[in-house]
Amino acid sequence: MTPRRTSLPLRTAAIPAAMALTTALAFLPTTATALAQDGHATAAAGAADGPSLSYVVNTRPGHHDSPRIQKAIAKAGGTVVVAYDRIGVIVVHSANPDFAKTIRTVRGVASAGATRTAPLPAQSTDDLGTPKVLSEREQKAVAARAGAGQDPLEPLQWDLPAIKADKAHQKSQGSSKVTVGVIDTGVDDTHPDLAPNFDRKASVNCVSGKPDTADGAWRPSALESPHGTHVAGEIAAAKNGIGVTGVAPGVKVSGIKVGTTAGFFYTEAVVCGFVWAAEHGVDVTNNSYYTDPWYFNCTTDPDQKALVDAVRRASSYAEHKGVVNVAAAGNENYDLTSDKITDPSSPNDTTPGDREVDPSVCLDIPTQLPGVVTVAATGAKGLKSSFSNYGLGVIDIAAPGGDSTAYQKPAPPAVDGRIYNTLPGGKYGYMAGTSMASPHVAGVAALIRSTHPHASPGQVKALLKAEADDVACPTDYDIDGDGTVDAVCEGDKRYNGFYGAGLTDALDAVEK
């Protein structure tokens, strides 16, 4: 098998020695003509003559239609995994290749679609690389240069002074009453920099679409990506004289695991993650991924429309419950306001191929959903990261996500242009991507929530933008220096397509 660089949903850039990426290959299910009469699924439609897939069925919120529709689901050959009646989303498994087409004809079903193109489960995985880890000798050399009040490895964290987090910590480290949920690959809560701030009650494994609250179910296995653990450290690594420091080292962080072992973030898991956050005291969620298997979900396609509908319902439900949802913009240097984008990576759980999409109707979810704070990445020189997606009216705010050191080299004592933070097993390492930018904003949102405990999600989002530092468009964005413009920034200093409302500001978050 030949792994593909853009085949996974994690928002971590594929720059040298960056995070491990994986890809899964399986078989595309066949399709046939649906069988239905008078809006009711027929018994014939329930024949199990295809690979078992997962589906979401979207109905009217509440308990009114759910029992009747669940009977129709069974008749169509489906098995209900979990029903989130409060948002009208039912997760179903079925081996009937006509299941979605059939169930769409049932009265009360707004939309329905397969959440994947690969059979359950995805077949296999290959790793392309791992985060760069410093040797013990290198770590000791860094620790010897740490200043008063700094954690030992903090000198490597150029990203903290970039958003004035170091100055913010002198005034406030955030409130332990605030929890940020990391919807990701899992969090290693045994890490000495994460254990002091970990919120077990708000942690869960949502991979199947149904909450698994077994102790430690939220942790990544040794075979799984360290992505979520790195993100968690950026947000809330404790200021405890060990390792690194988070943007908001006084707040709590929880692990909401939604990534499969092969690294896929399917709709049912993402829906579960948002609903869990909404109902378990989470104040902010970080979403450094896109929902598989489609990078862009076209609302003109009935299956993809159902996925957009399900995740939109779940994220909106979380916001209605008081949660601020923050998401990474993506790492392909796409202009998300262009008329068309060529997506070579979808569907990424079977055989992707080039397809032209209009990003105004084909959405990157949850990034492009209403109410979600969309974050672009910057490097150590303050420029848009070479890989970061952009677009006037799409990007809300920017934050450090790192870049190639050759493009944006930090000032000493930092030596690497990527972001240094926690990895499973008590380790630390470098990663880069909008995956790393989003948690900086989630951390600042947590500081705002700490300063303004009664602020609504809308008020927190308004403060994020109002307190951000204005960053003007570069006059000539040729990040690799080859004489060719690599992206075009539109807008003015106060609001533009590269940086949105500007660079997030942690100091203002604790002062204003």
Protein backbone atom coordinates (compact mmCIF):
# COMPACT_ATOMS: atom_id res chain seq x y z
CA MET A 1 0.00 0.00 0.00
CA THR A 2 1.14 3.55 -0.68
CA PRO A 3 0.37 5.99 2.14
CA ARG A 4 -0.84 9.47 1.14
CA ARG A 5 0.23 12.63 2.95
CA THR A 6 -3.22 14.25 3.03
CA SER A 7 -5.23 11.13 3.79
CA LEU A 8 -5.97 11.79 7.46
CA PRO A 9 -8.13 14.33 9.23
CA LEU A 10 -5.63 15.57 11.82
CA ARG A 11 -4.70 19.21 11.37
CA THR A 12 -0.97 18.63 11.72
CA ALA A 13 1.23 19.74 8.86
CA ALA A 14 3.44 17.26 7.01
CA ILE A 15 6.67 19.21 7.38
CA PRO A 16 9.97 17.46 8.19
CA ALA A 17 9.87 15.39 11.39
CA ALA A 18 6.33 16.47 12.16
CA MET A 19 3.65 14.19 13.59
CA ALA A 20 2.90 10.66 12.47
CA LEU A 21 0.25 10.34 9.79
CA THR A 22 -1.72 7.20 8.96
CA THR A 23 -3.98 5.99 6.20
CA ALA A 24 -6.49 3.17 6.03
CA LEU A 25 -7.45 1.22 2.94
CA ALA A 26 -10.55 -0.95 2.53
CA PHE A 27 -13.21 -1.76 -0.04
CA LEU A 28 -15.86 0.55 -1.46
CA PRO A 29 -19.37 -0.87 -0.88
CA THR A 30 -21.62 -1.53 -3.84
CA THR A 31 -24.98 0.19 -4.26
CA ALA A 32 -28.35 -0.89 -5.63
CA THR A 33 -31.87 0.43 -6.03
CA ALA A 34 -33.76 1.24 -2.82
CA LEU A 35 -36.99 -0.54 -1.99
CA ALA A 36 -39.70 1.48 -0.25
CA GLN A 37 -43.46 1.95 -0.28
CA ASP A 38 -45.56 4.82 1.10
CA GLY A 39 -42.67 6.27 3.10
CA HIS A 40 -42.02 3.03 5.02
CA ALA A 41 -38.96 0.81 4.65
CA THR A 42 -39.85 -2.61 3.30
CA ALA A 43 -38.69 -5.90 4.76
CA ALA A 44 -36.88 -6.68 1.51
CA ALA A 45 -34.69 -3.62 2.02
CA GLY A 46 -33.29 -5.18 5.18
CA ALA A 47 -31.35 -7.88 3.40
CA ALA A 48 -27.76 -7.99 4.67
CA ASP A 49 -25.97 -8.30 1.32
CA GLY A 50 -23.22 -5.72 1.64
CA PRO A 51 -20.38 -4.70 3.96
CA SER A 52 -21.41 -3.38 7.37
CA LEU A 53 -21.27 0.43 7.47
CA SER A 54 -22.12 3.11 10.00
CA TYR A 55 -24.86 5.68 9.31
CA VAL A 56 -26.41 8.77 10.86
CA VAL A 57 -30.16 9.25 10.57
CA ASN A 58 -31.32 12.81 11.32
CA THR A 59 -34.86 13.37 12.57
CA ARG A 60 -36.88 15.99 14.41
CA PRO A 61 -35.28 16.62 17.84
CA GLY A 62 -37.19 15.13 20.75
CA HIS A 63 -38.87 11.79 21.42
CA HIS A 64 -41.87 12.29 19.10
CA ASP A 65 -40.67 10.41 16.03
CA SER A 66 -37.81 8.35 17.45
CA PRO A 67 -39.69 5.10 18.34
CA ARG A 68 -41.43 4.92 14.95
CA ILE A 69 -38.26 5.72 13.03
CA GLN A 70 -36.26 3.18 15.02
CA LYS A 71 -38.79 0.51 13.98
CA ALA A 72 -38.30 1.57 10.35
CA ILE A 73 -34.53 1.39 10.84
CA ALA A 74 -34.80 -2.20 12.03
CA LYS A 75 -37.07 -3.09 9.13
CA ALA A 76 -34.54 -1.63 6.71
CA GLY A 77 -31.81 -3.84 8.14
CA GLY A 78 -30.29 -1.37 10.58
CA THR A 79 -29.22 -1.74 14.21
CA VAL A 80 -29.39 1.35 16.42
CA VAL A 81 -26.10 1.99 18.23
CA VAL A 82 -27.28 5.09 20.09
CA ALA A 83 -30.03 7.67 19.67
CA TYR A 84 -29.32 11.28 20.60
CA ASP A 85 -32.97 12.30 20.72
CA ARG A 86 -32.20 15.78 22.08
CA ILE A 87 -30.63 16.69 18.72
CA GLY A 88 -32.48 14.16 16.56
CA VAL A 89 -29.43 12.12 15.50
CA ILE A 90 -29.51 8.31 15.48
CA VAL A 91 -26.32 6.27 14.91
CA VAL A 92 -26.98 3.03 13.02
CA HIS A 93 -25.00 0.06 11.70
CA SER A 94 -26.30 -1.75 8.63
CA ALA A 95 -25.08 -4.23 6.01
CA ASN A 96 -27.89 -3.24 3.64
CA PRO A 97 -26.29 -1.29 0.77
CA ASP A 98 -29.63 0.47 0.22
CA PHE A 99 -30.11 1.43 3.86
CA ALA A 100 -29.59 5.19 3.55
CA LYS A 101 -31.60 5.53 0.35
CA THR A 102 -34.43 3.52 1.88
CA ILE A 103 -34.57 5.24 5.26
CA ARG A 104 -34.63 8.69 3.63
CA THR A 105 -38.13 7.87 2.38
CA VAL A 106 -39.46 7.37 5.91
CA ARG A 107 -41.71 10.15 7.20
CA GLY A 108 -39.86 12.33 9.70
CA VAL A 109 -36.34 11.57 8.43
CA ALA A 110 -34.67 14.84 7.43
CA SER A 111 -31.47 13.27 6.11
CA ALA A 112 -29.47 10.05 6.37
CA GLY A 113 -26.10 8.92 5.11
CA ALA A 114 -23.16 6.60 5.52
CA THR A 115 -20.44 8.02 7.74
CA ARG A 116 -17.71 6.09 5.92
CA THR A 117 -16.94 4.28 2.67
CA ALA A 118 -14.88 1.54 4.32
CA PRO A 119 -16.47 -1.45 6.04
CA LEU A 120 -16.39 -1.62 9.83
CA PRO A 121 -13.58 -1.43 10.90
CA ALA A 122 -10.99 0.20 8.62
CA GLN A 123 -8.49 -2.42 7.50
CA SER A 124 -4.93 -1.31 8.16
CA THR A 125 -2.57 1.55 8.87
CA ASP A 126 0.93 2.75 7.98
CA ASP A 127 2.96 5.38 9.83
CA LEU A 128 4.93 7.99 7.94
CA GLY A 129 6.85 9.56 10.79
CA THR A 130 6.82 10.66 14.40
CA PRO A 131 7.17 13.93 16.28
CA LYS A 132 10.74 15.09 16.85
CA VAL A 133 11.83 14.34 20.41
CA LEU A 134 14.85 15.90 22.13
CA SER A 135 17.42 13.71 23.86
CA GLU A 136 17.78 13.84 27.64
CA ARG A 137 21.06 15.70 27.19
CA GLU A 138 19.39 18.31 24.98
CA GLN A 139 16.57 18.76 27.49
CA LYS A 140 19.06 19.33 30.32
CA ALA A 141 20.86 21.95 28.23
CA VAL A 142 17.57 23.78 27.68
CA ALA A 143 16.62 23.56 31.36
CA ALA A 144 19.93 25.19 32.30
CA ARG A 145 18.84 28.27 30.34
CA ALA A 146 15.37 28.57 31.87
CA GLY A 147 14.74 31.88 33.58
CA ALA A 148 13.11 32.60 36.90
CA GLY A 149 9.51 31.44 36.94
CA GLN A 150 9.89 29.34 33.80
CA ASP A 151 9.32 25.60 33.61
CA PRO A 152 12.50 23.76 32.52
CA LEU A 153 11.61 23.37 28.83
CA GLU A 154 9.73 26.64 28.47
CA PRO A 155 12.66 28.38 26.70
CA LEU A 156 11.75 26.27 23.64
CA GLN A 157 8.19 27.60 23.66
CA TRP A 158 8.50 30.68 21.47
CA ASP A 159 4.74 30.45 20.99
CA LEU A 160 3.95 31.61 24.56
CA PRO A 161 5.54 35.09 24.35
CA ALA A 162 4.17 35.39 20.80
CA ILE A 163 0.67 35.65 22.31
CA LYS A 164 1.86 37.24 25.62
CA ALA A 165 0.95 34.13 27.57
CA ASP A 166 4.12 34.46 29.65
CA LYS A 167 2.98 37.93 30.80
CA ALA A 168 -0.58 36.70 31.32
CA HIS A 169 0.65 34.00 33.72
CA GLN A 170 2.05 36.68 36.02
CA LYS A 171 -1.51 37.91 36.51
CA SER A 172 -3.60 34.75 36.14
CA GLN A 173 -3.12 31.15 35.06
CA GLY A 174 -6.84 30.56 34.65
CA SER A 175 -9.50 29.03 36.86
CA SER A 176 -9.69 25.37 37.86
CA LYS A 177 -13.47 25.73 37.45
CA VAL A 178 -13.00 25.99 33.66
CA THR A 179 -12.58 22.81 31.56
CA VAL A 180 -11.39 22.55 27.96
CA GLY A 181 -12.45 19.35 26.21
CA VAL A 182 -9.89 18.00 23.73
CA ILE A 183 -11.95 16.25 21.04
CA ASP A 184 -9.12 14.29 19.48
CA THR A 185 -7.13 11.02 19.45
CA GLY A 186 -7.13 10.69 23.24
CA VAL A 187 -5.16 12.25 26.08
CA ASP A 188 -2.53 10.59 28.28
CA ASP A 189 -3.65 11.88 31.65
CA THR A 190 -0.74 10.11 33.37
CA HIS A 191 1.72 12.62 31.87
CA PRO A 192 3.25 14.60 34.77
CA ASP A 193 2.46 17.90 33.04
CA LEU A 194 -1.21 16.94 32.46
CA ALA A 195 -2.14 14.88 35.52
CA PRO A 196 -2.53 17.91 37.86
CA ASN A 197 -5.09 19.54 35.56
CA PHE A 198 -6.94 16.54 34.17
CA ASP A 199 -10.73 16.37 34.50
CA ARG A 200 -11.67 12.68 34.57
CA LYS A 201 -15.40 13.29 34.98
CA ALA A 202 -15.46 15.20 31.70
CA SER A 203 -13.42 12.55 29.82
CA VAL A 204 -14.75 9.73 27.64
CA ASN A 205 -14.15 7.45 24.67
CA CYS A 206 -16.63 8.29 21.87
CA VAL A 207 -15.05 6.29 19.04
CA SER A 208 -18.08 4.02 18.49
CA GLY A 209 -20.50 6.93 18.65
CA LYS A 210 -21.67 5.82 22.09
CA PRO A 211 -19.93 7.09 25.27
CA ASP A 212 -17.53 4.65 26.93
CA THR A 213 -16.74 5.87 30.44
CA ALA A 214 -14.45 3.01 31.51
CA ASP A 215 -11.45 4.27 33.46
CA GLY A 216 -8.70 5.32 31.05
CA ALA A 217 -10.84 4.75 27.93
CA TRP A 218 -9.89 8.28 26.85
CA ARG A 219 -6.17 7.44 26.61
CA PRO A 220 -4.39 6.69 23.33
CA SER A 221 -2.81 3.25 23.03
CA ALA A 222 0.85 2.83 22.14
CA LEU A 223 -0.23 2.32 18.51
CA GLU A 224 -2.26 5.53 18.33
CA SER A 225 -1.37 9.09 17.48
CA PRO A 226 0.12 11.37 20.19
CA HIS A 227 -1.83 14.26 18.64
CA GLY A 228 -4.43 14.72 21.41
CA THR A 229 -1.84 14.64 24.17
CA HIS A 230 0.20 17.34 22.43
CA VAL A 231 -2.91 19.50 21.99
CA ALA A 232 -3.87 19.05 25.67
CA GLY A 233 -0.45 20.23 26.80
CA GLU A 234 -0.60 23.34 24.65
CA ILE A 235 -3.84 24.25 26.37
CA ALA A 236 -3.21 23.37 30.00
CA ALA A 237 0.19 21.83 30.78
CA ALA A 238 0.67 22.66 34.47
CA LYS A 239 3.13 25.32 35.57
CA ASN A 240 4.68 22.95 38.10
CA GLY A 241 8.44 23.03 37.59
CA ILE A 242 8.21 20.09 35.16
CA GLY A 243 8.63 20.21 31.39
CA VAL A 244 6.53 22.80 29.55
CA THR A 245 3.74 25.29 30.29
CA GLY A 246 0.30 25.56 28.69
CA VAL A 247 -1.45 28.71 27.53
CA ALA A 248 -3.86 28.36 30.48
CA PRO A 249 -1.94 26.26 33.04
CA GLY A 250 -4.53 26.78 35.77
CA VAL A 251 -7.59 25.41 33.92
CA LYS A 252 -8.73 21.82 33.61
CA VAL A 253 -8.46 19.71 30.46
CA SER A 254 -10.42 16.59 29.52
CA GLY A 255 -9.87 13.90 26.92
CA ILE A 256 -12.78 13.21 24.56
CA LYS A 257 -11.44 10.46 22.34
CA VAL A 258 -13.02 10.30 18.88
CA GLY A 259 -10.17 8.98 16.68
CA THR A 260 -10.02 5.30 15.74
CA THR A 261 -6.77 3.35 16.11
CA ALA A 262 -6.20 3.93 12.40
CA GLY A 263 -6.69 7.67 12.96
CA PHE A 264 -10.13 8.29 11.50
CA PHE A 265 -12.60 10.78 12.95
CA TYR A 266 -16.02 9.56 11.86
CA THR A 267 -19.26 11.52 12.20
CA GLU A 268 -20.84 9.37 14.90
CA ALA A 269 -17.78 9.84 17.13
CA VAL A 270 -17.68 13.60 16.57
CA VAL A 271 -21.41 13.90 17.33
CA CYS A 272 -20.89 11.91 20.54
CA GLY A 273 -17.97 14.18 21.48
CA PHE A 274 -19.92 17.42 21.16
CA VAL A 275 -22.95 16.04 22.99
CA TRP A 276 -20.73 14.72 25.77
CA ALA A 277 -19.02 18.10 26.14
CA ALA A 278 -22.41 19.83 26.24
CA GLU A 279 -23.65 17.63 29.06
CA HIS A 280 -20.54 17.24 31.24
CA GLY A 281 -19.48 20.73 32.21
CA VAL A 282 -17.04 21.46 29.39
CA ASP A 283 -16.60 25.20 28.73
CA VAL A 284 -14.48 25.10 25.56
CA THR A 285 -13.81 22.37 22.99
CA ASN A 286 -10.76 22.13 20.76
CA ASN A 287 -11.22 20.45 17.38
CA SER A 288 -7.96 19.94 15.50
CA TYR A 289 -9.26 17.58 12.80
CA TYR A 290 -11.74 17.26 9.98
CA THR A 291 -14.54 14.72 9.99
CA ASP A 292 -13.81 11.68 7.81
CA PRO A 293 -13.94 10.41 5.18
CA TRP A 294 -14.57 13.60 3.18
CA TYR A 295 -12.30 16.63 3.54
CA PHE A 296 -15.18 18.69 2.15
CA ASN A 297 -18.76 17.47 2.62
CA CYS A 298 -20.94 18.56 -0.29
CA THR A 299 -24.48 19.39 0.77
CA THR A 300 -25.61 18.49 -2.75
CA ASP A 301 -24.78 14.85 -1.99
CA PRO A 302 -27.37 13.12 0.25
CA ASP A 303 -24.82 11.12 2.27
CA GLN A 304 -22.47 14.06 2.83
CA LYS A 305 -25.39 16.39 3.58
CA ALA A 306 -26.45 14.06 6.40
CA LEU A 307 -22.96 14.22 7.93
CA VAL A 308 -22.97 18.03 7.84
CA ASP A 309 -26.44 18.06 9.39
CA ALA A 310 -25.48 15.68 12.21
CA VAL A 311 -22.28 17.47 13.22
CA ARG A 312 -23.95 20.89 12.90
CA ARG A 313 -26.73 19.77 15.24
CA ALA A 314 -24.22 18.46 17.77
CA SER A 315 -21.92 21.51 17.73
CA SER A 316 -24.89 23.88 17.92
CA TYR A 317 -26.30 21.88 20.84
CA ALA A 318 -22.97 22.24 22.65
CA GLU A 319 -22.91 26.00 22.04
CA HIS A 320 -26.52 26.27 23.24
CA LYS A 321 -25.36 24.58 26.46
CA GLY A 322 -22.63 27.20 26.92
CA VAL A 323 -19.66 25.63 25.11
CA VAL A 324 -17.26 27.65 22.94
CA ASN A 325 -16.16 25.47 20.00
CA VAL A 326 -12.73 26.18 18.49
CA ALA A 327 -11.41 24.44 15.34
CA ALA A 328 -8.32 24.30 13.15
CA ALA A 329 -8.55 25.74 9.63
CA GLY A 330 -6.56 23.01 7.86
CA ASN A 331 -3.11 22.57 6.38
CA GLU A 332 -3.30 22.60 2.58
CA ASN A 333 -2.80 26.34 1.94
CA TYR A 334 -6.30 26.41 0.45
CA ASP A 335 -8.18 29.65 -0.06
CA LEU A 336 -11.49 28.62 1.48
CA THR A 337 -13.27 31.48 -0.31
CA SER A 338 -12.21 30.44 -3.80
CA ASP A 339 -14.78 29.33 -6.37
CA LYS A 340 -13.34 25.84 -6.54
CA ILE A 341 -10.77 23.66 -4.80
CA THR A 342 -9.31 20.40 -6.05
CA ASP A 343 -9.54 17.88 -3.22
CA PRO A 344 -7.25 14.88 -3.88
CA SER A 345 -7.79 13.19 -0.50
CA SER A 346 -11.42 12.03 -0.37
CA PRO A 347 -12.77 9.58 0.55
CA ASN A 348 -9.71 8.89 2.64
CA ASP A 349 -10.81 5.54 4.09
CA THR A 350 -10.97 3.78 0.70
CA THR A 351 -9.58 5.13 -2.58
CA PRO A 352 -9.35 8.92 -2.82
CA GLY A 353 -9.31 10.71 -6.14
CA ASP A 354 -9.25 14.27 -7.42
CA ARG A 355 -12.61 16.04 -7.24
CA GLU A 356 -13.46 19.69 -7.73
CA VAL A 357 -15.49 21.22 -4.91
CA ASP A 358 -17.05 24.59 -4.20
CA PRO A 359 -16.14 25.37 -0.55
CA SER A 360 -19.28 27.48 -0.15
CA VAL A 361 -21.46 24.36 -0.51
CA CYS A 362 -18.91 21.64 0.26
CA LEU A 363 -17.94 22.19 3.89
CA ASP A 364 -14.95 21.24 6.00
CA ILE A 365 -16.65 20.14 9.24
CA PRO A 366 -16.63 21.17 12.03
CA THR A 367 -14.33 24.00 10.88
CA GLN A 368 -16.81 25.75 8.58
CA LEU A 369 -19.95 25.22 10.67
CA PRO A 370 -21.86 28.21 12.08
CA GLY A 371 -20.66 29.36 15.49
CA VAL A 372 -17.32 27.55 15.37
CA VAL A 373 -14.18 29.70 15.85
CA THR A 374 -11.92 28.97 12.86
CA VAL A 375 -8.19 29.33 13.55
CA ALA A 376 -5.34 29.90 11.08
CA ALA A 377 -1.71 29.21 11.98
CA THR A 378 1.27 31.54 12.23
CA GLY A 379 4.97 30.82 12.49
CA ALA A 380 7.77 32.18 14.65
CA LYS A 381 8.11 35.31 12.48
CA GLY A 382 4.40 36.07 12.83
CA LEU A 383 3.56 35.28 9.19
CA LYS A 384 0.80 32.90 8.10
CA SER A 385 2.26 29.41 8.25
CA SER A 386 3.19 28.08 4.81
CA PHE A 387 0.57 25.33 5.06
CA SER A 388 -2.31 27.16 6.77
CA ASN A 389 -5.64 27.46 4.97
CA TYR A 390 -6.99 31.00 4.74
CA GLY A 391 -9.87 33.07 3.40
CA LEU A 392 -11.55 36.41 4.10
CA GLY A 393 -14.73 35.80 6.07
CA VAL A 394 -13.77 32.22 6.96
CA ILE A 395 -10.78 32.71 9.27
CA ASP A 396 -11.82 34.19 12.61
CA ILE A 397 -8.45 34.48 14.36
CA ALA A 398 -4.83 33.35 14.16
CA ALA A 399 -2.42 31.73 16.61
CA PRO A 400 1.01 30.07 16.62
CA GLY A 401 0.94 26.70 14.86
CA GLY A 402 4.58 26.59 13.82
CA ASP A 403 6.20 26.33 10.42
CA SER A 404 9.33 24.97 8.83
CA THR A 405 12.33 26.44 10.65
CA ALA A 406 13.80 27.27 7.23
CA TYR A 407 10.80 29.54 6.59
CA GLN A 408 10.28 31.06 10.04
CA LYS A 409 13.12 30.64 12.53
CA PRO A 410 12.46 31.67 16.15
CA ALA A 411 14.73 33.90 18.18
CA PRO A 412 17.11 32.13 20.62
CA PRO A 413 16.97 30.27 22.93
CA ALA A 414 14.23 28.55 20.87
CA VAL A 415 15.78 26.65 18.00
CA ASP A 416 12.89 25.05 16.11
CA GLY A 417 10.03 26.70 14.23
CA ARG A 418 7.49 24.10 15.32
CA ILE A 419 5.54 23.85 18.57
CA TYR A 420 7.10 21.99 21.51
CA ASN A 421 4.81 20.23 23.97
CA THR A 422 3.63 17.04 25.68
CA LEU A 423 3.62 13.54 24.20
CA PRO A 424 2.32 10.28 25.72
CA GLY A 425 4.52 8.44 28.17
CA GLY A 426 5.84 11.54 29.88
CA LYS A 427 7.66 12.69 26.77
CA TYR A 428 7.84 15.98 24.84
CA GLY A 429 8.26 16.78 21.17
CA TYR A 430 7.74 19.12 18.23
CA MET A 431 4.65 19.23 16.02
CA ALA A 432 3.29 21.83 13.61
CA GLY A 433 -0.03 22.54 11.98
CA THR A 434 -3.25 24.42 12.44
CA SER A 435 -3.79 21.57 14.92
CA MET A 436 -1.32 23.40 17.13
CA ALA A 437 -2.79 26.86 16.46
CA SER A 438 -6.34 25.97 17.50
CA PRO A 439 -5.42 24.92 21.08
CA HIS A 440 -3.70 28.27 21.64
CA VAL A 441 -7.04 29.96 20.96
CA ALA A 442 -8.89 27.37 23.05
CA GLY A 443 -6.50 28.20 25.90
CA VAL A 444 -7.12 31.93 25.51
CA ALA A 445 -10.88 31.28 25.43
CA ALA A 446 -10.44 29.40 28.72
CA LEU A 447 -8.63 32.40 30.19
CA ILE A 448 -11.49 34.65 29.06
CA ARG A 449 -13.98 32.26 30.67
CA SER A 450 -11.88 32.39 33.84
CA THR A 451 -11.93 36.21 33.84
CA HIS A 452 -15.61 36.39 32.84
CA PRO A 453 -17.19 33.24 34.34
CA HIS A 454 -20.73 34.20 33.33
CA ALA A 455 -19.94 35.15 29.74
CA SER A 456 -21.99 33.42 27.05
CA PRO A 457 -20.27 31.66 24.13
CA GLY A 458 -21.14 34.64 21.95
CA GLN A 459 -19.55 37.04 24.41
CA VAL A 460 -16.40 34.91 24.71
CA LYS A 461 -16.07 34.79 20.92
CA ALA A 462 -16.57 38.54 20.68
CA LEU A 463 -13.84 39.10 23.28
CA LEU A 464 -11.47 36.71 21.47
CA LYS A 465 -11.76 38.88 18.37
CA ALA A 466 -11.84 42.26 20.09
CA GLU A 467 -8.74 41.48 22.16
CA ALA A 468 -6.73 39.98 19.29
CA ASP A 469 -3.73 41.99 18.05
CA ASP A 470 -4.28 43.41 14.53
CA VAL A 471 -1.98 41.90 11.90
CA ALA A 472 -1.88 43.43 8.42
CA CYS A 473 -1.62 41.43 5.22
CA PRO A 474 2.00 40.94 4.10
CA THR A 475 2.86 43.00 1.02
CA ASP A 476 4.41 39.99 -0.72
CA TYR A 477 3.74 36.51 0.67
CA ASP A 478 6.54 34.42 -0.82
CA ILE A 479 7.18 32.20 2.19
CA ASP A 480 9.67 29.86 0.52
CA GLY A 481 11.56 32.64 -1.27
CA ASP A 482 11.31 31.15 -4.74
CA GLY A 483 9.98 34.33 -6.36
CA THR A 484 6.37 33.10 -6.60
CA VAL A 485 3.52 34.43 -4.48
CA ASP A 486 2.30 31.51 -2.38
CA ALA A 487 -1.06 32.94 -1.26
CA VAL A 488 -2.98 36.20 -1.61
CA CYS A 489 -4.24 37.97 1.52
CA GLU A 490 -7.41 40.05 1.22
CA GLY A 491 -8.72 42.58 3.72
CA ASP A 492 -7.30 45.29 5.94
CA LYS A 493 -5.27 45.36 9.15
CA ARG A 494 -8.31 44.92 11.37
CA TYR A 495 -9.73 41.91 9.52
CA ASN A 496 -8.28 39.86 6.68
CA GLY A 497 -8.11 36.42 5.14
CA PHE A 498 -4.76 35.36 6.65
CA TYR A 499 -5.28 36.33 10.29
CA GLY A 500 -8.99 37.08 10.70
CA ALA A 501 -9.37 39.53 13.59
CA GLY A 502 -5.65 39.14 14.38
CA LEU A 503 -3.28 37.19 16.59
CA THR A 504 -4.89 35.88 19.76
CA ASP A 505 -3.84 37.74 22.94
CA ALA A 506 -3.59 35.90 26.28
CA LEU A 507 -2.66 39.00 28.30
CA ASP A 508 -5.78 40.91 27.33
CA ALA A 509 -7.79 37.79 28.18
CA VAL A 510 -6.82 38.07 31.85
CA GLU A 511 -6.86 41.87 32.04
CA LYS A 512 -10.04 42.96 30.25
